[in-house]
């Protein structure tokens, strides 16, 4: 046996043994943190996997199959007009309104189809950060100055981060895009307007199914929330028509799936997720057995799911153990966090950005969290730092980004978000103290 080759395995085994030997089982905080980890991953599975990630996987798979590589490179590649590429990417969050995890399959889809690193990273940040409802909620609950600062900061961040990522890695990105350009001259299978309608319907299903409950019971946002499942159903019905007319799926299969979904909705009117599940299962069944491009759509979506979902669930588990859920503590006491974010020092802003970058925020939950921290003594500068870094990043998010574009680019992306959030929060705190 060659021990020079086996010593790493031996060290890993001994290290694991020591960790298990001294595992603090029975210590109340440790036991509570373990329970919090499972509570958070259970909540994530119930609230985000089916409604958020599954539609996102299908959209990402559709990008890989139905959007030509030439089109992606034309609008988001290295040779695209920067004003158009970064302009579209930086305001995407106003349409998507997704969390830091749901945006990942979409990011992976456009990046692998030839989008430049800069526009792709601008999209990656802006998707969860520029959420109109979250910004309005921030202004109403935390004050108009924080709401405006968050809106302006998120748009500027997406542009600056995208431009810097494109600049830092311009050489290797040029080589990657040059290789992709060799195979990017295929003709689209259908007119652009058909593809646009197809994607708009899928995005509508994603957006309306995940429309969050607003703070107030009146107004446009509340009206959309009250009708969210009707709007989701209309978008899904439109998608069913597209599947028959343009993707050539058998009408009887689409009709059978639609009927099963409608009957489930009638049988369980208080559980709309049940009907949504039936629809997803039916769509998966129809596409998975199709020998043509619909089968490729399912296969590509499944590839994204296999790569991304295990990392996300593992990351959520770790995040829950470290920081817990809203209103509950993990292994790190919330009093520590509150104690470090008082005042407006650079350290307080950095700590808020750093913790926010690792903590998982579901859409809109960052506002009540920051509200509670402000009540515990958090300064306005650190509050903005957390609002700029937290929704766009999370530990699960980082793990997946690393698997898509590599550890070095991921580290630079995370550092840019944390540093810019720190400096922005510090400057904002100086203006509003």
Protein backbone atom coordinates (compact mmCIF):
# COMPACT_ATOMS: atom_id res chain seq x y z
CA UNK A 1 0.00 0.00 0.00
CA UNK A 2 1.31 3.44 -0.94
CA UNK A 3 0.66 5.64 2.12
CA UNK A 4 1.78 8.73 0.23
CA UNK A 5 -1.41 8.40 -1.80
CA UNK A 6 -3.65 7.31 1.08
CA UNK A 7 -2.77 9.86 3.74
CA UNK A 8 -5.51 12.31 2.65
CA UNK A 9 -8.13 9.60 3.06
CA UNK A 10 -6.69 8.70 6.47
CA UNK A 11 -6.74 12.33 7.63
CA UNK A 12 -10.35 12.73 6.47
CA UNK A 13 -11.43 9.58 8.28
CA UNK A 14 -9.63 10.56 11.49
CA UNK A 15 -11.06 14.09 11.28
CA UNK A 16 -14.59 12.77 10.86
CA UNK A 17 -14.07 10.39 13.77
CA UNK A 18 -12.91 13.21 16.06
CA UNK A 19 -15.87 15.40 15.04
CA UNK A 20 -18.36 12.62 15.76
CA UNK A 21 -16.59 11.77 19.05
CA UNK A 22 -16.98 15.31 20.36
CA UNK A 23 -20.33 16.05 18.75
CA UNK A 24 -22.19 18.20 21.33
CA UNK A 25 -25.42 16.21 21.21
CA UNK A 26 -27.51 17.03 24.28
CA UNK A 27 -26.34 20.65 24.48
CA UNK A 28 -29.58 22.66 24.16
CA UNK A 29 -28.29 25.20 21.63
CA UNK A 30 -26.78 22.52 19.40
CA UNK A 31 -29.93 20.40 19.51
CA UNK A 32 -32.08 23.45 18.77
CA UNK A 33 -29.83 24.43 15.84
CA UNK A 34 -30.10 20.94 14.34
CA UNK A 35 -33.88 21.13 14.67
CA UNK A 36 -33.86 24.59 13.06
CA UNK A 37 -31.89 23.21 10.13
CA UNK A 38 -34.57 20.61 9.44
CA UNK A 39 -37.38 23.11 10.03
CA UNK A 40 -35.86 25.45 7.45
CA UNK A 41 -35.22 22.78 4.83
CA UNK A 42 -38.78 21.45 5.35
CA UNK A 43 -40.21 24.93 4.91
CA UNK A 44 -38.02 25.45 1.84
CA UNK A 45 -39.18 22.19 0.29
CA UNK A 46 -42.84 23.05 0.91
CA UNK A 47 -42.73 26.68 -0.19
CA UNK A 48 -40.04 26.95 -2.85
CA UNK A 49 -39.13 23.71 -4.58
CA UNK A 50 -42.43 23.00 -6.31
CA UNK A 51 -43.68 26.54 -6.95
CA UNK A 52 -40.35 28.29 -7.58
CA UNK A 53 -37.64 25.88 -8.63
CA UNK A 54 -39.59 23.44 -10.78
CA UNK A 55 -40.94 26.18 -13.11
CA UNK A 56 -37.46 27.74 -13.13
CA UNK A 57 -35.94 24.40 -14.16
CA UNK A 58 -38.40 24.11 -17.04
CA UNK A 59 -37.65 27.69 -18.14
CA UNK A 60 -33.91 27.03 -17.96
CA UNK A 61 -34.34 23.82 -19.95
CA UNK A 62 -36.38 25.71 -22.55
CA UNK A 63 -33.59 28.27 -22.89
CA UNK A 64 -31.19 25.45 -23.66
CA UNK A 65 -33.45 23.86 -26.29
CA UNK A 66 -35.68 26.51 -27.85
CA UNK A 67 -33.46 29.60 -27.74
CA UNK A 68 -30.69 29.57 -30.32
CA UNK A 69 -27.17 30.10 -29.06
CA UNK A 70 -26.71 32.73 -31.74
CA UNK A 71 -29.63 34.75 -30.32
CA UNK A 72 -28.24 34.64 -26.76
CA UNK A 73 -24.80 35.71 -27.96
CA UNK A 74 -26.29 38.43 -30.15
CA UNK A 75 -28.06 40.11 -27.23
CA UNK A 76 -25.99 39.05 -24.20
CA UNK A 77 -22.67 37.86 -25.60
CA UNK A 78 -19.28 39.57 -25.83
CA UNK A 79 -20.12 41.27 -29.14
CA UNK A 80 -23.54 42.51 -28.02
CA UNK A 81 -24.16 46.18 -27.44
CA UNK A 82 -23.35 46.75 -23.78
CA UNK A 83 -26.21 49.22 -23.27
CA UNK A 84 -28.72 46.61 -24.44
CA UNK A 85 -27.09 43.60 -22.71
CA UNK A 86 -26.61 45.23 -19.32
CA UNK A 87 -29.82 47.21 -19.55
CA UNK A 88 -31.94 44.09 -20.00
CA UNK A 89 -30.01 42.10 -17.38
CA UNK A 90 -30.05 44.84 -14.73
CA UNK A 91 -33.82 45.34 -14.65
CA UNK A 92 -34.87 41.70 -14.96
CA UNK A 93 -35.82 41.56 -11.28
CA UNK A 94 -38.74 43.91 -11.87
CA UNK A 95 -40.32 41.14 -13.97
CA UNK A 96 -39.14 37.96 -12.25
CA UNK A 97 -39.47 38.83 -8.54
CA UNK A 98 -37.65 35.64 -7.53
CA UNK A 99 -35.38 34.71 -4.63
CA UNK A 100 -31.63 34.10 -4.76
CA UNK A 101 -32.16 30.38 -5.38
CA UNK A 102 -34.92 30.49 -8.00
CA UNK A 103 -32.82 32.72 -10.27
CA UNK A 104 -30.04 30.11 -10.43
CA UNK A 105 -31.48 27.77 -13.09
CA UNK A 106 -32.25 30.80 -15.28
CA UNK A 107 -28.70 32.12 -14.79
CA UNK A 108 -27.25 28.71 -15.62
CA UNK A 109 -29.39 28.52 -18.76
CA UNK A 110 -28.33 31.84 -20.30
CA UNK A 111 -24.68 31.46 -19.21
CA UNK A 112 -24.28 28.05 -20.80
CA UNK A 113 -26.02 29.21 -23.96
CA UNK A 114 -23.39 31.89 -24.58
CA UNK A 115 -24.27 34.92 -22.45
CA UNK A 116 -21.22 36.94 -21.44
CA UNK A 117 -20.11 36.68 -17.84
CA UNK A 118 -20.84 40.37 -17.23
CA UNK A 119 -24.49 40.41 -18.38
CA UNK A 120 -25.07 36.98 -16.80
CA UNK A 121 -23.79 38.22 -13.42
CA UNK A 122 -25.83 41.42 -13.74
CA UNK A 123 -28.87 39.19 -14.26
CA UNK A 124 -27.82 36.93 -11.36
CA UNK A 125 -27.72 39.88 -8.95
CA UNK A 126 -30.71 41.82 -10.27
CA UNK A 127 -33.12 38.86 -10.41
CA UNK A 128 -33.71 38.68 -6.66
CA UNK A 129 -32.48 42.18 -5.75
CA UNK A 130 -34.68 44.41 -7.91
CA UNK A 131 -38.05 43.20 -6.69
CA UNK A 132 -40.63 45.97 -7.05
CA UNK A 133 -42.92 44.65 -4.30
CA UNK A 134 -39.99 44.21 -1.90
CA UNK A 135 -38.76 47.75 -2.58
CA UNK A 136 -42.25 49.21 -2.05
CA UNK A 137 -42.57 47.20 1.17
CA UNK A 138 -39.16 48.47 2.30
CA UNK A 139 -40.21 52.08 1.72
CA UNK A 140 -43.50 51.68 3.59
CA UNK A 141 -42.16 49.78 6.60
CA UNK A 142 -38.56 50.95 6.95
CA UNK A 143 -38.92 54.44 5.52
CA UNK A 144 -38.83 56.03 2.04
CA UNK A 145 -35.11 56.81 2.30
CA UNK A 146 -34.23 53.12 2.70
CA UNK A 147 -36.65 52.13 -0.05
CA UNK A 148 -35.18 54.62 -2.53
CA UNK A 149 -31.61 53.76 -1.54
CA UNK A 150 -32.33 50.06 -1.98
CA UNK A 151 -33.88 50.56 -5.43
CA UNK A 152 -31.08 52.79 -6.71
CA UNK A 153 -28.37 50.67 -5.10
CA UNK A 154 -29.71 47.41 -6.56
CA UNK A 155 -29.77 48.73 -10.14
CA UNK A 156 -26.32 50.33 -9.81
CA UNK A 157 -24.93 47.19 -8.16
CA UNK A 158 -26.11 44.92 -10.96
CA UNK A 159 -24.48 47.16 -13.58
CA UNK A 160 -21.20 47.68 -11.73
CA UNK A 161 -20.84 44.04 -10.65
CA UNK A 162 -21.56 42.83 -14.16
CA UNK A 163 -19.08 45.24 -15.72
CA UNK A 164 -16.35 44.38 -13.19
CA UNK A 165 -16.86 40.62 -13.58
CA UNK A 166 -16.65 40.99 -17.34
CA UNK A 167 -13.47 43.07 -17.00
CA UNK A 168 -11.71 40.84 -14.45
CA UNK A 169 -12.27 37.66 -16.46
CA UNK A 170 -12.25 39.14 -19.96
CA UNK A 171 -9.50 36.86 -21.29
CA UNK A 172 -10.94 33.48 -20.31
CA UNK A 173 -14.46 34.64 -21.10
CA UNK A 174 -13.30 35.65 -24.55
CA UNK A 175 -11.93 32.15 -25.09
CA UNK A 176 -15.15 30.54 -23.81
CA UNK A 177 -17.39 32.64 -26.04
CA UNK A 178 -15.12 32.18 -29.05
CA UNK A 179 -15.47 28.41 -28.71
CA UNK A 180 -19.24 28.68 -28.41
CA UNK A 181 -19.46 30.99 -31.40
CA UNK A 182 -18.23 28.18 -33.64
CA UNK A 183 -21.47 26.25 -33.09
CA UNK A 184 -23.85 29.18 -32.71
CA UNK A 185 -25.02 29.65 -36.29
CA UNK A 186 -28.05 27.35 -36.20
CA UNK A 187 -31.39 28.65 -37.41
CA UNK A 188 -34.27 28.95 -34.90
CA UNK A 189 -36.94 26.28 -35.22
CA UNK A 190 -39.84 28.76 -35.03
CA UNK A 191 -40.48 32.52 -35.33
CA UNK A 192 -39.25 34.77 -32.55
CA UNK A 193 -42.76 35.88 -31.62
CA UNK A 194 -43.81 32.29 -30.90
CA UNK A 195 -40.79 31.72 -28.70
CA UNK A 196 -41.46 35.03 -26.89
CA UNK A 197 -45.08 34.06 -26.13
CA UNK A 198 -43.98 30.61 -24.97
CA UNK A 199 -41.46 32.04 -22.51
CA UNK A 200 -43.82 34.82 -21.37
CA UNK A 201 -46.43 32.23 -20.40
CA UNK A 202 -43.90 30.17 -18.41
CA UNK A 203 -42.61 33.28 -16.65
CA UNK A 204 -46.20 34.28 -15.87
CA UNK A 205 -46.81 30.90 -14.22
CA UNK A 206 -43.64 31.34 -12.16
CA UNK A 207 -44.43 34.93 -11.14
CA UNK A 208 -48.12 34.59 -10.29
CA UNK A 209 -47.78 31.25 -8.49
CA UNK A 210 -45.23 32.86 -6.19
CA UNK A 211 -46.89 36.26 -5.75
CA UNK A 212 -46.37 37.14 -2.09
CA UNK A 213 -49.00 38.42 0.30
CA UNK A 214 -48.70 42.23 0.52
CA UNK A 215 -48.72 44.15 3.79
CA UNK A 216 -51.96 45.95 2.96
CA UNK A 217 -55.32 44.43 2.00
CA UNK A 218 -56.17 46.96 -0.72
CA UNK A 219 -54.52 48.19 -3.89
CA UNK A 220 -53.07 46.60 -7.01
CA UNK A 221 -50.66 44.22 -5.25
CA UNK A 222 -53.44 42.90 -3.00
CA UNK A 223 -55.78 42.48 -5.98
CA UNK A 224 -53.17 40.46 -7.86
CA UNK A 225 -52.55 38.33 -4.78
CA UNK A 226 -56.27 37.62 -4.42
CA UNK A 227 -56.42 36.49 -8.05
CA UNK A 228 -52.97 34.84 -8.20
CA UNK A 229 -54.21 31.31 -8.82
CA UNK A 230 -56.72 32.42 -11.44
CA UNK A 231 -53.94 34.31 -13.21
CA UNK A 232 -51.66 31.27 -12.88
CA UNK A 233 -54.43 29.09 -14.38
CA UNK A 234 -54.89 31.44 -17.35
CA UNK A 235 -51.14 31.41 -18.05
CA UNK A 236 -51.06 27.60 -17.72
CA UNK A 237 -54.00 27.27 -20.11
CA UNK A 238 -52.19 29.45 -22.63
CA UNK A 239 -49.11 27.29 -22.22
CA UNK A 240 -51.22 24.18 -22.91
CA UNK A 241 -52.36 25.68 -26.21
CA UNK A 242 -48.74 26.45 -27.12
CA UNK A 243 -47.72 22.86 -26.31
CA UNK A 244 -50.28 21.55 -28.79
CA UNK A 245 -49.97 24.09 -31.59
CA UNK A 246 -46.26 24.85 -31.64
CA UNK A 247 -44.50 22.04 -29.75
CA UNK A 248 -46.72 19.41 -31.38
CA UNK A 249 -47.47 17.48 -28.20
CA UNK A 250 -50.51 15.15 -28.57
CA UNK A 251 -53.70 17.07 -27.85
CA UNK A 252 -55.18 14.15 -25.89
CA UNK A 253 -52.23 14.13 -23.48
CA UNK A 254 -52.42 17.88 -22.93
CA UNK A 255 -56.20 17.66 -22.52
CA UNK A 256 -55.92 14.78 -20.05
CA UNK A 257 -53.40 16.72 -17.97
CA UNK A 258 -55.56 19.85 -18.05
CA UNK A 259 -58.63 17.84 -16.99
CA UNK A 260 -56.78 16.17 -14.12
CA UNK A 261 -55.46 19.54 -12.97
CA UNK A 262 -58.91 21.15 -13.10
CA UNK A 263 -60.56 18.26 -11.22
CA UNK A 264 -57.90 18.45 -8.52
CA UNK A 265 -58.47 22.19 -8.18
CA UNK A 266 -62.22 21.61 -7.76
CA UNK A 267 -61.72 18.73 -5.30
CA UNK A 268 -59.18 20.64 -3.18
CA UNK A 269 -60.03 24.35 -3.56
CA UNK A 270 -58.11 25.28 -0.40
CA UNK A 271 -54.97 23.48 -1.58
CA UNK A 272 -54.01 25.05 -4.91
CA UNK A 273 -50.56 23.49 -4.65
CA UNK A 274 -52.19 20.09 -5.20
CA UNK A 275 -53.51 21.15 -8.62
CA UNK A 276 -50.15 22.74 -9.41
CA UNK A 277 -48.45 19.44 -8.57
CA UNK A 278 -50.75 17.51 -10.89
CA UNK A 279 -49.98 19.97 -13.67
CA UNK A 280 -46.23 19.63 -13.15
CA UNK A 281 -46.43 15.83 -13.11
CA UNK A 282 -48.52 15.88 -16.29
CA UNK A 283 -46.10 18.23 -18.05
CA UNK A 284 -43.18 16.03 -17.02
CA UNK A 285 -44.96 12.93 -18.29
CA UNK A 286 -45.83 14.47 -21.65
CA UNK A 287 -42.40 15.88 -22.36
CA UNK A 288 -40.28 13.03 -20.98
CA UNK A 289 -41.75 10.46 -23.39
CA UNK A 290 -41.66 12.71 -26.44
CA UNK A 291 -38.91 11.71 -28.90
CA UNK A 292 -38.55 15.23 -30.33
CA UNK A 293 -37.58 18.64 -29.02
CA UNK A 294 -40.04 18.43 -26.11
CA UNK A 295 -38.14 15.38 -24.89
CA UNK A 296 -34.91 17.38 -25.15
CA UNK A 297 -36.63 20.14 -23.15
CA UNK A 298 -37.42 17.74 -20.31
CA UNK A 299 -33.94 16.17 -20.45
CA UNK A 300 -32.22 19.56 -20.22
CA UNK A 301 -34.51 20.65 -17.37
CA UNK A 302 -33.78 17.40 -15.53
CA UNK A 303 -30.03 17.98 -15.96
CA UNK A 304 -30.34 21.38 -14.28
CA UNK A 305 -32.44 19.88 -11.48
CA UNK A 306 -29.88 17.13 -10.79
CA UNK A 307 -27.07 19.65 -10.59
CA UNK A 308 -28.74 22.43 -8.63
CA UNK A 309 -31.36 20.96 -6.28
CA UNK A 310 -29.07 18.80 -4.07
CA UNK A 311 -26.70 21.74 -3.55
CA UNK A 312 -29.58 24.05 -2.69
CA UNK A 313 -31.14 21.70 -0.15
CA UNK A 314 -27.75 21.01 1.44
CA UNK A 315 -27.01 24.72 1.60
CA UNK A 316 -30.39 25.52 3.16
CA UNK A 317 -29.76 22.82 5.78
CA UNK A 318 -26.42 24.38 6.73
CA UNK A 319 -27.86 27.92 6.69
CA UNK A 320 -30.67 26.83 9.00
CA UNK A 321 -28.17 25.26 11.40
CA UNK A 322 -26.03 28.41 11.51
CA UNK A 323 -28.65 31.18 11.51
CA UNK A 324 -32.06 29.54 11.97
CA UNK A 325 -35.36 30.78 10.60
CA UNK A 326 -37.11 34.13 10.97
CA UNK A 327 -37.83 34.52 14.68
CA UNK A 328 -35.76 31.45 15.63
CA UNK A 329 -32.08 31.03 16.39
CA UNK A 330 -29.52 28.66 14.97
CA UNK A 331 -26.15 27.89 16.49
CA UNK A 332 -25.20 31.59 16.19
CA UNK A 333 -27.17 33.66 18.74
CA UNK A 334 -29.18 36.48 17.17
CA UNK A 335 -27.96 38.76 19.98
CA UNK A 336 -24.47 38.49 18.51
CA UNK A 337 -25.74 39.65 15.15
CA UNK A 338 -27.71 42.53 16.67
CA UNK A 339 -24.72 43.55 18.76
CA UNK A 340 -22.40 43.77 15.78
CA UNK A 341 -24.67 45.90 13.57
CA UNK A 342 -25.26 48.86 15.86
CA UNK A 343 -24.02 52.29 14.80
CA UNK A 344 -22.54 53.00 11.39
CA UNK A 345 -18.94 51.85 11.51
CA UNK A 346 -17.37 50.11 8.54
CA UNK A 347 -17.17 46.96 10.65
CA UNK A 348 -20.90 47.10 11.43
CA UNK A 349 -21.71 47.51 7.74
CA UNK A 350 -19.31 44.75 6.75
CA UNK A 351 -20.78 42.39 9.33
CA UNK A 352 -24.33 43.10 8.11
CA UNK A 353 -23.26 42.49 4.49
CA UNK A 354 -21.32 39.34 5.34
CA UNK A 355 -24.05 37.74 7.44
CA UNK A 356 -26.69 38.77 4.91
CA UNK A 357 -24.67 37.16 2.12
CA UNK A 358 -24.73 33.77 3.86
CA UNK A 359 -28.25 33.86 5.27
CA UNK A 360 -31.15 32.60 3.15
CA UNK A 361 -33.96 35.14 2.60
CA UNK A 362 -37.18 34.09 0.98
CA UNK A 363 -38.78 36.85 -1.11
CA UNK A 364 -40.01 39.71 1.13
CA UNK A 365 -38.83 38.14 4.41
CA UNK A 366 -35.78 40.40 4.55
CA UNK A 367 -38.00 43.40 5.40
CA UNK A 368 -39.43 42.10 8.72
CA UNK A 369 -35.97 40.73 9.63
CA UNK A 370 -34.37 44.15 9.15
CA UNK A 371 -37.30 45.77 10.96
CA UNK A 372 -36.63 43.55 13.97
CA UNK A 373 -32.89 44.26 13.87
CA UNK A 374 -33.51 48.03 13.68
CA UNK A 375 -35.71 47.67 16.74
CA UNK A 376 -32.78 45.92 18.45
CA UNK A 377 -30.43 48.83 17.66
CA UNK A 378 -29.29 48.27 14.08
CA UNK A 379 -28.17 51.43 12.29
CA UNK A 380 -29.65 52.54 8.97
CA UNK A 381 -26.33 52.03 7.20
CA UNK A 382 -25.99 48.36 8.17
CA UNK A 383 -29.71 47.93 7.38
CA UNK A 384 -29.09 49.02 3.79
CA UNK A 385 -25.97 46.85 3.61
CA UNK A 386 -28.02 43.81 4.58
CA UNK A 387 -30.82 44.69 2.15
CA UNK A 388 -28.35 44.99 -0.74
CA UNK A 389 -26.36 41.83 0.01
CA UNK A 390 -28.90 39.50 1.62
CA UNK A 391 -31.64 38.94 -0.98
CA UNK A 392 -29.11 38.49 -3.82
CA UNK A 393 -26.86 35.96 -2.08
CA UNK A 394 -27.13 33.00 0.26
CA UNK A 395 -25.03 29.99 1.17
CA UNK A 396 -27.12 27.67 -1.04
CA UNK A 397 -26.85 30.24 -3.83
CA UNK A 398 -23.03 30.33 -3.55
CA UNK A 399 -22.70 26.56 -3.73
CA UNK A 400 -24.66 26.41 -6.97
CA UNK A 401 -22.91 29.41 -8.56
CA UNK A 402 -19.59 27.72 -7.83
CA UNK A 403 -20.71 24.59 -9.69
CA UNK A 404 -21.74 26.69 -12.71
CA UNK A 405 -18.92 29.19 -13.18
CA UNK A 406 -16.18 27.95 -10.88
CA UNK A 407 -14.92 28.79 -7.41
CA UNK A 408 -12.69 31.71 -8.41
CA UNK A 409 -15.40 33.63 -10.25
CA UNK A 410 -17.88 32.88 -7.49
CA UNK A 411 -15.48 34.22 -4.84
CA UNK A 412 -14.96 37.43 -6.81
CA UNK A 413 -18.73 37.84 -7.34
CA UNK A 414 -19.47 37.36 -3.63
CA UNK A 415 -16.66 39.71 -2.59
CA UNK A 416 -17.91 42.41 -4.97
CA UNK A 417 -21.42 42.19 -3.51
CA UNK A 418 -20.20 42.27 0.09
CA UNK A 419 -17.69 45.10 -0.43
CA UNK A 420 -20.09 47.27 -2.42
CA UNK A 421 -22.89 46.68 0.08
CA UNK A 422 -20.53 47.59 2.93
CA UNK A 423 -19.37 50.85 1.34
CA UNK A 424 -22.88 51.82 0.20
CA UNK A 425 -24.35 51.18 3.64
CA UNK A 426 -21.57 53.14 5.33
CA UNK A 427 -22.03 56.13 2.98
CA UNK A 428 -25.82 56.01 3.42
CA UNK A 429 -25.40 55.92 7.19
CA UNK A 430 -23.23 59.03 7.09
CA UNK A 431 -25.95 60.89 5.17
CA UNK A 432 -28.81 59.83 7.43
CA UNK A 433 -27.31 60.14 10.90
